[in-house]
PDB file of all heavy atoms in Angstrom:
ATOM      1  N   SER A   1     136.090  41.663 267.218  1.00  0.00           N
ATOM      2  CA  SER A   1     134.928  41.420 268.052  1.00  0.00           C
ATOM      3  C   SER A   1     134.084  40.404 267.468  1.00  0.00           C
ATOM      4  O   SER A   1     133.381  39.599 268.370  1.00  0.00           O
ATOM      5  CB  SER A   1     134.113  42.895 268.043  1.00  0.00           C
ATOM      6  OG  SER A   1     133.045  42.675 268.781  1.00  0.00           O
ATOM      7  N   ASP A   2     133.920  40.396 266.082  1.00  0.00           N
ATOM      8  CA  ASP A   2     133.020  39.186 265.524  1.00  0.00           C
ATOM      9  C   ASP A   2     133.642  37.874 265.841  1.00  0.00           C
ATOM     10  O   ASP A   2     132.894  36.914 265.906  1.00  0.00           O
ATOM     11  CB  ASP A   2     132.839  39.502 264.084  1.00  0.00           C
ATOM     12  CG  ASP A   2     131.533  40.379 263.852  1.00  0.00           C
ATOM     13  OD1 ASP A   2     130.732  40.372 264.767  1.00  0.00           O
ATOM     14  OD2 ASP A   2     131.547  40.995 262.878  1.00  0.00           O
ATOM     15  N   LEU A   3     134.925  37.837 265.817  1.00  0.00           N
ATOM     16  CA  LEU A   3     135.616  36.491 266.098  1.00  0.00           C
ATOM     17  C   LEU A   3     135.448  36.058 267.528  1.00  0.00           C
ATOM     18  O   LEU A   3     135.093  34.837 267.798  1.00  0.00           O
ATOM     19  CB  LEU A   3     137.118  36.669 265.803  1.00  0.00           C
ATOM     20  CG  LEU A   3     137.711  36.619 264.519  1.00  0.00           C
ATOM     21  CD1 LEU A   3     139.215  36.906 264.376  1.00  0.00           C
ATOM     22  CD2 LEU A   3     137.449  35.214 263.791  1.00  0.00           C
ATOM     23  N   LYS A   4     135.394  37.074 268.402  1.00  0.00           N
ATOM     24  CA  LYS A   4     135.090  36.630 269.850  1.00  0.00           C
ATOM     25  C   LYS A   4     133.581  36.180 269.889  1.00  0.00           C
ATOM     26  O   LYS A   4     133.238  35.206 270.541  1.00  0.00           O
ATOM     27  CB  LYS A   4     135.201  37.869 270.643  1.00  0.00           C
ATOM     28  CG  LYS A   4     136.670  38.304 270.948  1.00  0.00           C
ATOM     29  CD  LYS A   4     136.790  39.370 271.847  1.00  0.00           C
ATOM     30  CE  LYS A   4     138.201  39.913 272.109  1.00  0.00           C
ATOM     31  NZ  LYS A   4     138.327  41.083 272.986  1.00  0.00           N
ATOM     32  N   LYS A   5     132.663  36.796 269.145  1.00  0.00           N
ATOM     33  CA  LYS A   5     131.251  36.435 269.167  1.00  0.00           C
ATOM     34  C   LYS A   5     131.093  35.051 268.596  1.00  0.00           C
ATOM     35  O   LYS A   5     130.341  34.331 269.141  1.00  0.00           O
ATOM     36  CB  LYS A   5     130.602  37.477 268.381  1.00  0.00           C
ATOM     37  CG  LYS A   5     128.994  37.234 268.420  1.00  0.00           C
ATOM     38  CD  LYS A   5     128.217  38.177 267.489  1.00  0.00           C
ATOM     39  CE  LYS A   5     126.784  37.790 267.478  1.00  0.00           C
ATOM     40  NZ  LYS A   5     125.916  38.617 266.570  1.00  0.00           N
ATOM     41  N   PHE A   6     131.954  34.788 267.599  1.00  0.00           N
ATOM     42  CA  PHE A   6     131.800  33.466 266.983  1.00  0.00           C
ATOM     43  C   PHE A   6     132.059  32.307 267.988  1.00  0.00           C
ATOM     44  O   PHE A   6     131.440  31.274 267.933  1.00  0.00           O
ATOM     45  CB  PHE A   6     132.773  33.381 265.889  1.00  0.00           C
ATOM     46  CG  PHE A   6     132.692  32.122 265.103  1.00  0.00           C
ATOM     47  CD1 PHE A   6     131.686  31.596 264.334  1.00  0.00           C
ATOM     48  CD2 PHE A   6     133.858  31.178 265.185  1.00  0.00           C
ATOM     49  CE1 PHE A   6     131.693  30.373 263.617  1.00  0.00           C
ATOM     50  CE2 PHE A   6     133.812  29.931 264.521  1.00  0.00           C
ATOM     51  CZ  PHE A   6     132.757  29.577 263.786  1.00  0.00           C
ATOM     52  N   THR A   7     132.952  32.592 268.849  1.00  0.00           N
ATOM     53  CA  THR A   7     133.267  31.558 269.904  1.00  0.00           C
ATOM     54  C   THR A   7     132.113  31.274 270.962  1.00  0.00           C
ATOM     55  O   THR A   7     132.085  30.163 271.656  1.00  0.00           O
ATOM     56  CB  THR A   7     134.551  31.912 270.721  1.00  0.00           C
ATOM     57  OG1 THR A   7     134.248  33.081 271.568  1.00  0.00           O
ATOM     58  CG2 THR A   7     135.658  32.127 269.748  1.00  0.00           C
ATOM     59  N   THR A   8     131.220  32.213 271.083  1.00  0.00           N
ATOM     60  CA  THR A   8     130.148  32.100 272.103  1.00  0.00           C
ATOM     61  C   THR A   8     128.754  32.369 271.415  1.00  0.00           C
ATOM     62  O   THR A   8     127.768  32.636 272.191  1.00  0.00           O
ATOM     63  CB  THR A   8     130.353  33.123 273.187  1.00  0.00           C
ATOM     64  OG1 THR A   8     130.282  34.495 272.614  1.00  0.00           O
ATOM     65  CG2 THR A   8     131.620  32.972 273.904  1.00  0.00           C
ATOM     66  N   ARG A   9     128.594  32.201 270.182  1.00  0.00           N
ATOM     67  CA  ARG A   9     127.347  32.646 269.415  1.00  0.00           C
ATOM     68  C   ARG A   9     126.229  31.678 269.794  1.00  0.00           C
ATOM     69  O   ARG A   9     126.375  30.437 270.136  1.00  0.00           O
ATOM     70  CB  ARG A   9     127.580  32.640 267.977  1.00  0.00           C
ATOM     71  CG  ARG A   9     127.766  31.202 267.358  1.00  0.00           C
ATOM     72  CD  ARG A   9     128.274  31.398 265.909  1.00  0.00           C
ATOM     73  NE  ARG A   9     128.302  30.028 265.228  1.00  0.00           N
ATOM     74  CZ  ARG A   9     127.354  29.597 264.419  1.00  0.00           C
ATOM     75  NH1 ARG A   9     126.318  30.240 264.201  1.00  0.00           N
ATOM     76  NH2 ARG A   9     127.532  28.452 263.904  1.00  0.00           N
ATOM     77  N   ASN A  10     125.042  32.199 269.557  1.00  0.00           N
ATOM     78  CA  ASN A  10     123.832  31.499 269.730  1.00  0.00           C
ATOM     79  C   ASN A  10     123.201  31.299 268.320  1.00  0.00           C
ATOM     80  O   ASN A  10     122.796  32.234 267.701  1.00  0.00           O
ATOM     81  CB  ASN A  10     122.784  32.130 270.604  1.00  0.00           C
ATOM     82  CG  ASN A  10     121.530  31.329 270.696  1.00  0.00           C
ATOM     83  OD1 ASN A  10     121.251  30.379 270.033  1.00  0.00           O
ATOM     84  ND2 ASN A  10     120.640  31.795 271.732  1.00  0.00           N
ATOM     85  N   PRO A  11     123.411  30.127 267.663  1.00  0.00           N
ATOM     86  CA  PRO A  11     122.914  29.948 266.277  1.00  0.00           C
ATOM     87  C   PRO A  11     121.384  30.234 266.077  1.00  0.00           C
ATOM     88  O   PRO A  11     121.002  30.384 264.896  1.00  0.00           O
ATOM     89  CB  PRO A  11     123.267  28.533 265.925  1.00  0.00           C
ATOM     90  CG  PRO A  11     123.498  27.844 267.323  1.00  0.00           C
ATOM     91  CD  PRO A  11     123.952  28.871 268.143  1.00  0.00           C
ATOM     92  N   ASP A  12     120.680  30.089 267.176  1.00  0.00           N
ATOM     93  CA  ASP A  12     119.200  30.386 267.034  1.00  0.00           C
ATOM     94  C   ASP A  12     118.902  31.798 266.644  1.00  0.00           C
ATOM     95  O   ASP A  12     117.727  32.085 266.162  1.00  0.00           O
ATOM     96  CB  ASP A  12     118.449  30.083 268.324  1.00  0.00           C
ATOM     97  CG  ASP A  12     118.411  28.571 268.687  1.00  0.00           C
ATOM     98  OD1 ASP A  12     118.678  27.740 267.709  1.00  0.00           O
ATOM     99  OD2 ASP A  12     118.543  28.252 269.821  1.00  0.00           O
ATOM    100  N   HIS A  13     119.854  32.726 266.836  1.00  0.00           N
ATOM    101  CA  HIS A  13     119.620  34.092 266.549  1.00  0.00           C
ATOM    102  C   HIS A  13     119.575  34.380 265.052  1.00  0.00           C
ATOM    103  O   HIS A  13     118.980  35.413 264.611  1.00  0.00           O
ATOM    104  CB  HIS A  13     120.531  35.037 267.239  1.00  0.00           C
ATOM    105  CG  HIS A  13     120.290  35.181 268.764  1.00  0.00           C
ATOM    106  ND1 HIS A  13     121.095  35.856 269.584  1.00  0.00           N
ATOM    107  CD2 HIS A  13     119.189  34.640 269.465  1.00  0.00           C
ATOM    108  CE1 HIS A  13     120.585  35.758 270.865  1.00  0.00           C
ATOM    109  NE2 HIS A  13     119.350  35.148 270.786  1.00  0.00           N
ATOM    110  N   GLY A  14     120.358  33.712 264.296  1.00  0.00           N
ATOM    111  CA  GLY A  14     120.539  33.875 262.881  1.00  0.00           C
ATOM    112  C   GLY A  14     121.331  35.195 262.517  1.00  0.00           C
ATOM    113  O   GLY A  14     122.072  35.789 263.355  1.00  0.00           O
ATOM    114  N   VAL A  15     121.373  35.516 261.288  1.00  0.00           N
ATOM    115  CA  VAL A  15     122.051  36.787 260.877  1.00  0.00           C
ATOM    116  C   VAL A  15     121.706  38.061 261.702  1.00  0.00           C
ATOM    117  O   VAL A  15     122.494  38.849 262.193  1.00  0.00           O
ATOM    118  CB  VAL A  15     121.923  36.988 259.385  1.00  0.00           C
ATOM    119  CG1 VAL A  15     122.714  38.340 258.898  1.00  0.00           C
ATOM    120  CG2 VAL A  15     122.557  35.842 258.501  1.00  0.00           C
ATOM    121  N   PHE A  16     120.332  38.095 261.806  1.00  0.00           N
ATOM    122  CA  PHE A  16     119.911  39.317 262.653  1.00  0.00           C
ATOM    123  C   PHE A  16     119.327  38.761 263.850  1.00  0.00           C
ATOM    124  O   PHE A  16     119.493  37.495 264.183  1.00  0.00           O
ATOM    125  CB  PHE A  16     118.805  40.051 261.819  1.00  0.00           C
ATOM    126  CG  PHE A  16     119.332  40.730 260.520  1.00  0.00           C
ATOM    127  CD1 PHE A  16     119.117  40.059 259.235  1.00  0.00           C
ATOM    128  CD2 PHE A  16     120.163  41.856 260.568  1.00  0.00           C
ATOM    129  CE1 PHE A  16     119.578  40.591 258.106  1.00  0.00           C
ATOM    130  CE2 PHE A  16     120.642  42.390 259.382  1.00  0.00           C
ATOM    131  CZ  PHE A  16     120.408  41.818 258.097  1.00  0.00           C
ATOM    132  N   GLN A  17     118.716  39.435 264.668  1.00  0.00           N
ATOM    133  CA  GLN A  17     118.172  38.969 265.903  1.00  0.00           C
ATOM    134  C   GLN A  17     117.134  37.962 265.674  1.00  0.00           C
ATOM    135  O   GLN A  17     116.790  37.106 266.604  1.00  0.00           O
ATOM    136  CB  GLN A  17     117.707  40.123 266.816  1.00  0.00           C
ATOM    137  CG  GLN A  17     118.677  41.122 267.187  1.00  0.00           C
ATOM    138  CD  GLN A  17     118.230  41.993 268.332  1.00  0.00           C
ATOM    139  OE1 GLN A  17     118.153  41.728 269.461  1.00  0.00           O
ATOM    140  NE2 GLN A  17     117.955  43.225 267.909  1.00  0.00           N
ATOM    141  N   ILE A  18     116.468  37.940 264.640  1.00  0.00           N
ATOM    142  CA  ILE A  18     115.385  37.010 264.200  1.00  0.00           C
ATOM    143  C   ILE A  18     115.815  36.287 262.976  1.00  0.00           C
ATOM    144  O   ILE A  18     116.609  36.880 262.129  1.00  0.00           O
ATOM    145  CB  ILE A  18     114.039  37.824 263.852  1.00  0.00           C
ATOM    146  CG1 ILE A  18     113.599  38.709 265.051  1.00  0.00           C
ATOM    147  CG2 ILE A  18     112.920  36.901 263.513  1.00  0.00           C
ATOM    148  CD1 ILE A  18     112.670  39.768 264.780  1.00  0.00           C
ATOM    149  N   LYS A  19     115.434  34.986 262.817  1.00  0.00           N
ATOM    150  CA  LYS A  19     115.774  34.275 261.585  1.00  0.00           C
ATOM    151  C   LYS A  19     115.187  35.024 260.426  1.00  0.00           C
ATOM    152  O   LYS A  19     114.138  35.506 260.369  1.00  0.00           O
ATOM    153  CB  LYS A  19     115.252  32.911 261.702  1.00  0.00           C
ATOM    154  CG  LYS A  19     115.837  31.890 262.696  1.00  0.00           C
ATOM    155  CD  LYS A  19     117.146  31.511 262.156  1.00  0.00           C
ATOM    156  CE  LYS A  19     117.576  30.216 263.150  1.00  0.00           C
ATOM    157  NZ  LYS A  19     118.978  29.719 262.670  1.00  0.00           N
ATOM    158  N   TYR A  20     116.039  35.083 259.309  1.00  0.00           N
ATOM    159  CA  TYR A  20     115.665  35.963 258.163  1.00  0.00           C
ATOM    160  C   TYR A  20     114.358  35.475 257.512  1.00  0.00           C
ATOM    161  O   TYR A  20     113.591  36.382 257.105  1.00  0.00           O
ATOM    162  CB  TYR A  20     116.842  35.954 257.148  1.00  0.00           C
ATOM    163  CG  TYR A  20     116.756  37.102 256.087  1.00  0.00           C
ATOM    164  CD1 TYR A  20     116.954  38.452 256.422  1.00  0.00           C
ATOM    165  CD2 TYR A  20     116.418  36.825 254.780  1.00  0.00           C
ATOM    166  CE1 TYR A  20     116.837  39.429 255.568  1.00  0.00           C
ATOM    167  CE2 TYR A  20     116.335  37.844 253.868  1.00  0.00           C
ATOM    168  CZ  TYR A  20     116.556  39.109 254.256  1.00  0.00           C
ATOM    169  OH  TYR A  20     116.426  40.041 253.412  1.00  0.00           O
ATOM    170  N   SER A  21     114.193  34.231 257.550  1.00  0.00           N
ATOM    171  CA  SER A  21     112.917  33.716 256.802  1.00  0.00           C
ATOM    172  C   SER A  21     111.623  34.126 257.687  1.00  0.00           C
ATOM    173  O   SER A  21     110.552  34.214 257.086  1.00  0.00           O
ATOM    174  CB  SER A  21     112.945  32.220 256.714  1.00  0.00           C
ATOM    175  OG  SER A  21     113.086  31.613 258.068  1.00  0.00           O
ATOM    176  N   ASN A  22     111.799  34.473 258.942  1.00  0.00           N
ATOM    177  CA  ASN A  22     110.691  34.873 259.845  1.00  0.00           C
ATOM    178  C   ASN A  22     110.542  36.324 259.870  1.00  0.00           C
ATOM    179  O   ASN A  22     109.487  36.834 260.490  1.00  0.00           O
ATOM    180  CB  ASN A  22     110.845  34.370 261.206  1.00  0.00           C
ATOM    181  CG  ASN A  22     110.819  32.816 261.304  1.00  0.00           C
ATOM    182  OD1 ASN A  22     110.185  32.226 260.429  1.00  0.00           O
ATOM    183  ND2 ASN A  22     111.652  32.196 262.146  1.00  0.00           N
ATOM    184  N   MET A  23     111.405  37.103 259.160  1.00  0.00           N
ATOM    185  CA  MET A  23     111.298  38.600 259.224  1.00  0.00           C
ATOM    186  C   MET A  23     110.340  39.090 258.226  1.00  0.00           C
ATOM    187  O   MET A  23     110.457  38.718 257.014  1.00  0.00           O
ATOM    188  CB  MET A  23     112.679  39.161 259.045  1.00  0.00           C
ATOM    189  CG  MET A  23     113.540  38.980 260.301  1.00  0.00           C
ATOM    190  SD  MET A  23     115.320  39.481 259.871  1.00  0.00           S
ATOM    191  CE  MET A  23     115.154  41.231 259.493  1.00  0.00           C
ATOM    192  N   PRO A  24     109.368  39.949 258.526  1.00  0.00           N
ATOM    193  CA  PRO A  24     108.430  40.513 257.515  1.00  0.00           C
ATOM    194  C   PRO A  24     109.176  41.513 256.664  1.00  0.00           C
ATOM    195  O   PRO A  24     110.235  42.112 257.035  1.00  0.00           O
ATOM    196  CB  PRO A  24     107.361  41.182 258.304  1.00  0.00           C
ATOM    197  CG  PRO A  24     108.012  41.473 259.590  1.00  0.00           C
ATOM    198  CD  PRO A  24     109.076  40.416 259.916  1.00  0.00           C
ATOM    199  N   LYS A  25     108.719  41.701 255.389  1.00  0.00           N
ATOM    200  CA  LYS A  25     109.269  42.725 254.572  1.00  0.00           C
ATOM    201  C   LYS A  25     108.932  44.128 255.049  1.00  0.00           C
ATOM    202  O   LYS A  25     107.857  44.339 255.470  1.00  0.00           O
ATOM    203  CB  LYS A  25     108.850  42.521 253.162  1.00  0.00           C
ATOM    204  CG  LYS A  25     109.509  43.507 252.202  1.00  0.00           C
ATOM    205  CD  LYS A  25     108.888  43.298 250.756  1.00  0.00           C
ATOM    206  CE  LYS A  25     109.523  44.283 249.703  1.00  0.00           C
ATOM    207  NZ  LYS A  25     108.937  44.203 248.329  1.00  0.00           N
ATOM    208  N   ALA A  26     109.895  45.074 255.088  1.00  0.00           N
ATOM    209  CA  ALA A  26     109.612  46.366 255.454  1.00  0.00           C
ATOM    210  C   ALA A  26     108.820  47.131 254.395  1.00  0.00           C
ATOM    211  O   ALA A  26     109.055  47.087 253.176  1.00  0.00           O
ATOM    212  CB  ALA A  26     111.000  47.253 255.554  1.00  0.00           C
ATOM    213  N   THR A  27     107.716  47.637 254.842  1.00  0.00           N
ATOM    214  CA  THR A  27     106.903  48.559 253.900  1.00  0.00           C
ATOM    215  C   THR A  27     106.967  49.935 254.359  1.00  0.00           C
ATOM    216  O   THR A  27     107.076  50.278 255.642  1.00  0.00           O
ATOM    217  CB  THR A  27     105.461  48.045 253.818  1.00  0.00           C
ATOM    218  OG1 THR A  27     104.935  48.087 255.326  1.00  0.00           O
ATOM    219  CG2 THR A  27     105.307  46.720 253.383  1.00  0.00           C
ATOM    220  N   PHE A  28     106.861  50.912 253.432  1.00  0.00           N
ATOM    221  CA  PHE A  28     107.055  52.245 253.674  1.00  0.00           C
ATOM    222  C   PHE A  28     105.752  53.053 253.581  1.00  0.00           C
ATOM    223  O   PHE A  28     105.045  52.889 252.693  1.00  0.00           O
ATOM    224  CB  PHE A  28     108.155  52.890 252.712  1.00  0.00           C
ATOM    225  CG  PHE A  28     109.408  52.002 252.981  1.00  0.00           C
ATOM    226  CD1 PHE A  28     109.658  50.948 252.328  1.00  0.00           C
ATOM    227  CD2 PHE A  28     110.371  52.577 253.737  1.00  0.00           C
ATOM    228  CE1 PHE A  28     110.917  50.206 252.459  1.00  0.00           C
ATOM    229  CE2 PHE A  28     111.625  52.007 253.912  1.00  0.00           C
ATOM    230  CZ  PHE A  28     111.895  50.759 253.292  1.00  0.00           C
ATOM    231  N   TYR A  29     105.688  54.056 254.554  1.00  0.00           N
ATOM    232  CA  TYR A  29     104.450  54.963 254.557  1.00  0.00           C
ATOM    233  C   TYR A  29     104.626  55.992 253.657  1.00  0.00           C
ATOM    234  O   TYR A  29     105.707  56.362 253.192  1.00  0.00           O
ATOM    235  CB  TYR A  29     104.052  55.365 255.993  1.00  0.00           C
ATOM    236  CG  TYR A  29     105.021  56.269 256.645  1.00  0.00           C
ATOM    237  CD1 TYR A  29     105.210  57.658 256.394  1.00  0.00           C
ATOM    238  CD2 TYR A  29     105.855  55.762 257.720  1.00  0.00           C
ATOM    239  CE1 TYR A  29     106.005  58.335 257.033  1.00  0.00           C
ATOM    240  CE2 TYR A  29     106.692  56.508 258.444  1.00  0.00           C
ATOM    241  CZ  TYR A  29     106.855  57.935 258.022  1.00  0.00           C
ATOM    242  OH  TYR A  29     107.743  58.675 258.672  1.00  0.00           O
ATOM    243  N   ASP A  30     103.472  56.652 253.248  1.00  0.00           N
ATOM    244  CA  ASP A  30     103.326  57.709 252.340  1.00  0.00           C
ATOM    245  C   ASP A  30     104.180  58.923 252.793  1.00  0.00           C
ATOM    246  O   ASP A  30     103.921  59.372 253.943  1.00  0.00           O
ATOM    247  CB  ASP A  30     101.915  58.026 252.017  1.00  0.00           C
ATOM    248  CG  ASP A  30     101.734  59.218 250.963  1.00  0.00           C
ATOM    249  OD1 ASP A  30     102.661  59.847 250.626  1.00  0.00           O
ATOM    250  OD2 ASP A  30     100.505  59.446 250.611  1.00  0.00           O
ATOM    251  N   GLN A  31     105.095  59.386 251.993  1.00  0.00           N
ATOM    252  CA  GLN A  31     106.006  60.524 252.594  1.00  0.00           C
ATOM    253  C   GLN A  31     105.278  61.790 252.784  1.00  0.00           C
ATOM    254  O   GLN A  31     105.726  62.635 253.472  1.00  0.00           O
ATOM    255  CB  GLN A  31     107.058  60.775 251.425  1.00  0.00           C
ATOM    256  CG  GLN A  31     108.133  59.637 251.322  1.00  0.00           C
ATOM    257  CD  GLN A  31     109.358  60.110 250.582  1.00  0.00           C
ATOM    258  OE1 GLN A  31     110.060  61.051 250.945  1.00  0.00           O
ATOM    259  NE2 GLN A  31     109.603  59.399 249.522  1.00  0.00           N
ATOM    260  N   SER A  32     104.074  61.920 252.237  1.00  0.00           N
ATOM    261  CA  SER A  32     103.287  63.115 252.514  1.00  0.00           C
ATOM    262  C   SER A  32     102.900  63.160 254.031  1.00  0.00           C
ATOM    263  O   SER A  32     102.448  64.200 254.341  1.00  0.00           O
ATOM    264  CB  SER A  32     102.035  63.118 251.622  1.00  0.00           C
ATOM    265  OG  SER A  32     101.166  62.081 251.946  1.00  0.00           O
ATOM    266  N   LEU A  33     102.886  62.036 254.693  1.00  0.00           N
ATOM    267  CA  LEU A  33     102.593  62.042 256.047  1.00  0.00           C
ATOM    268  C   LEU A  33     103.814  62.602 257.005  1.00  0.00           C
ATOM    269  O   LEU A  33     103.509  62.877 258.053  1.00  0.00           O
ATOM    270  CB  LEU A  33     102.208  60.617 256.563  1.00  0.00           C
ATOM    271  CG  LEU A  33     100.984  59.969 255.748  1.00  0.00           C
ATOM    272  CD1 LEU A  33     100.870  58.544 256.290  1.00  0.00           C
ATOM    273  CD2 LEU A  33      99.768  60.687 256.083  1.00  0.00           C
ATOM    274  N   ARG A  34     104.950  62.757 256.412  1.00  0.00           N
ATOM    275  CA  ARG A  34     106.096  63.068 257.263  1.00  0.00           C
ATOM    276  C   ARG A  34     106.353  64.674 256.779  1.00  0.00           C
ATOM    277  O   ARG A  34     106.837  64.880 255.738  1.00  0.00           O
ATOM    278  CB  ARG A  34     107.265  62.305 256.842  1.00  0.00           C
ATOM    279  CG  ARG A  34     108.426  62.627 257.900  1.00  0.00           C
ATOM    280  CD  ARG A  34     109.620  61.635 257.541  1.00  0.00           C
ATOM    281  NE  ARG A  34     110.542  61.512 258.662  1.00  0.00           N
ATOM    282  CZ  ARG A  34     111.617  62.484 258.680  1.00  0.00           C
ATOM    283  NH1 ARG A  34     111.793  63.304 257.788  1.00  0.00           N
ATOM    284  NH2 ARG A  34     112.388  62.404 259.809  1.00  0.00           N
ATOM    285  N   LYS A  35     106.093  65.499 257.747  1.00  0.00           N
ATOM    286  CA  LYS A  35     106.173  66.986 257.375  1.00  0.00           C
ATOM    287  C   LYS A  35     107.380  67.525 258.238  1.00  0.00           C
ATOM    288  O   LYS A  35     107.553  67.309 259.471  1.00  0.00           O
ATOM    289  CB  LYS A  35     104.855  67.636 257.751  1.00  0.00           C
ATOM    290  CG  LYS A  35     103.731  67.072 257.077  1.00  0.00           C
ATOM    291  CD  LYS A  35     102.461  67.767 257.354  1.00  0.00           C
ATOM    292  CE  LYS A  35     101.243  67.124 256.761  1.00  0.00           C
ATOM    293  NZ  LYS A  35     101.358  67.039 255.148  1.00  0.00           N
ATOM    294  N   ARG A  36     108.178  68.287 257.653  1.00  0.00           N
ATOM    295  CA  ARG A  36     109.365  68.965 258.116  1.00  0.00           C
ATOM    296  C   ARG A  36     109.515  70.337 257.528  1.00  0.00           C
ATOM    297  O   ARG A  36     109.100  70.580 256.396  1.00  0.00           O
ATOM    298  CB  ARG A  36     110.587  68.117 257.929  1.00  0.00           C
ATOM    299  CG  ARG A  36     110.753  66.777 258.527  1.00  0.00           C
ATOM    300  CD  ARG A  36     110.824  66.985 259.995  1.00  0.00           C
ATOM    301  NE  ARG A  36     111.086  65.684 260.734  1.00  0.00           N
ATOM    302  CZ  ARG A  36     110.114  64.834 261.151  1.00  0.00           C
ATOM    303  NH1 ARG A  36     108.818  65.167 260.918  1.00  0.00           N
ATOM    304  NH2 ARG A  36     110.360  63.727 261.717  1.00  0.00           N
ATOM    305  N   PRO A  37     110.167  71.343 258.211  1.00  0.00           N
ATOM    306  CA  PRO A  37     110.509  72.550 257.619  1.00  0.00           C
ATOM    307  C   PRO A  37     111.679  72.364 256.654  1.00  0.00           C
ATOM    308  O   PRO A  37     112.434  71.444 256.660  1.00  0.00           O
ATOM    309  CB  PRO A  37     111.005  73.363 258.813  1.00  0.00           C
ATOM    310  CG  PRO A  37     110.696  72.693 260.070  1.00  0.00           C
ATOM    311  CD  PRO A  37     110.596  71.119 259.740  1.00  0.00           C
ATOM    312  N   TYR A  38     111.700  73.344 255.735  1.00  0.00           N
ATOM    313  CA  TYR A  38     112.798  73.352 254.690  1.00  0.00           C
ATOM    314  C   TYR A  38     113.422  74.772 254.547  1.00  0.00           C
ATOM    315  O   TYR A  38     112.770  75.791 254.823  1.00  0.00           O
ATOM    316  CB  TYR A  38     112.204  73.038 253.343  1.00  0.00           C
ATOM    317  CG  TYR A  38     111.924  71.553 253.119  1.00  0.00           C
ATOM    318  CD1 TYR A  38     110.725  70.999 253.687  1.00  0.00           C
ATOM    319  CD2 TYR A  38     112.791  70.711 252.604  1.00  0.00           C
ATOM    320  CE1 TYR A  38     110.477  69.646 253.587  1.00  0.00           C
ATOM    321  CE2 TYR A  38     112.651  69.321 252.429  1.00  0.00           C
ATOM    322  CZ  TYR A  38     111.392  68.785 252.905  1.00  0.00           C
ATOM    323  OH  TYR A  38     111.246  67.471 252.760  1.00  0.00           O
ATOM    324  N   TYR A  39     114.763  74.704 254.389  1.00  0.00           N
ATOM    325  CA  TYR A  39     115.572  75.886 254.057  1.00  0.00           C
ATOM    326  C   TYR A  39     115.693  75.985 252.604  1.00  0.00           C
ATOM    327  O   TYR A  39     116.093  75.000 251.955  1.00  0.00           O
ATOM    328  CB  TYR A  39     116.860  75.634 254.752  1.00  0.00           C
ATOM    329  CG  TYR A  39     118.020  76.554 254.397  1.00  0.00           C
ATOM    330  CD1 TYR A  39     118.506  77.577 255.209  1.00  0.00           C
ATOM    331  CD2 TYR A  39     118.727  76.247 253.248  1.00  0.00           C
ATOM    332  CE1 TYR A  39     119.523  78.343 254.690  1.00  0.00           C
ATOM    333  CE2 TYR A  39     119.844  77.060 252.817  1.00  0.00           C
ATOM    334  CZ  TYR A  39     120.254  78.068 253.581  1.00  0.00           C
ATOM    335  OH  TYR A  39     121.271  78.913 253.221  1.00  0.00           O
ATOM    336  N   ILE A  40     115.396  77.170 251.968  1.00  0.00           N
ATOM    337  CA  ILE A  40     115.539  77.389 250.622  1.00  0.00           C
ATOM    338  C   ILE A  40     116.304  78.667 250.434  1.00  0.00           C
ATOM    339  O   ILE A  40     115.964  79.716 250.938  1.00  0.00           O
ATOM    340  CB  ILE A  40     114.182  77.487 249.925  1.00  0.00           C
ATOM    341  CG1 ILE A  40     113.305  76.187 249.970  1.00  0.00           C
ATOM    342  CG2 ILE A  40     114.341  77.673 248.398  1.00  0.00           C
ATOM    343  CD1 ILE A  40     112.206  76.409 251.101  1.00  0.00           C
TER     344      ILE A  40
END
């Protein structure tokens, strides 16, 4: 499938949908904000 994509690729898309240099770094929110039930 990737070989097929290589034949029709758009180089403007980069490795991901956005050029890697233009992608912001993922930051993570405080886990205390995420609440779930627990089985013990």
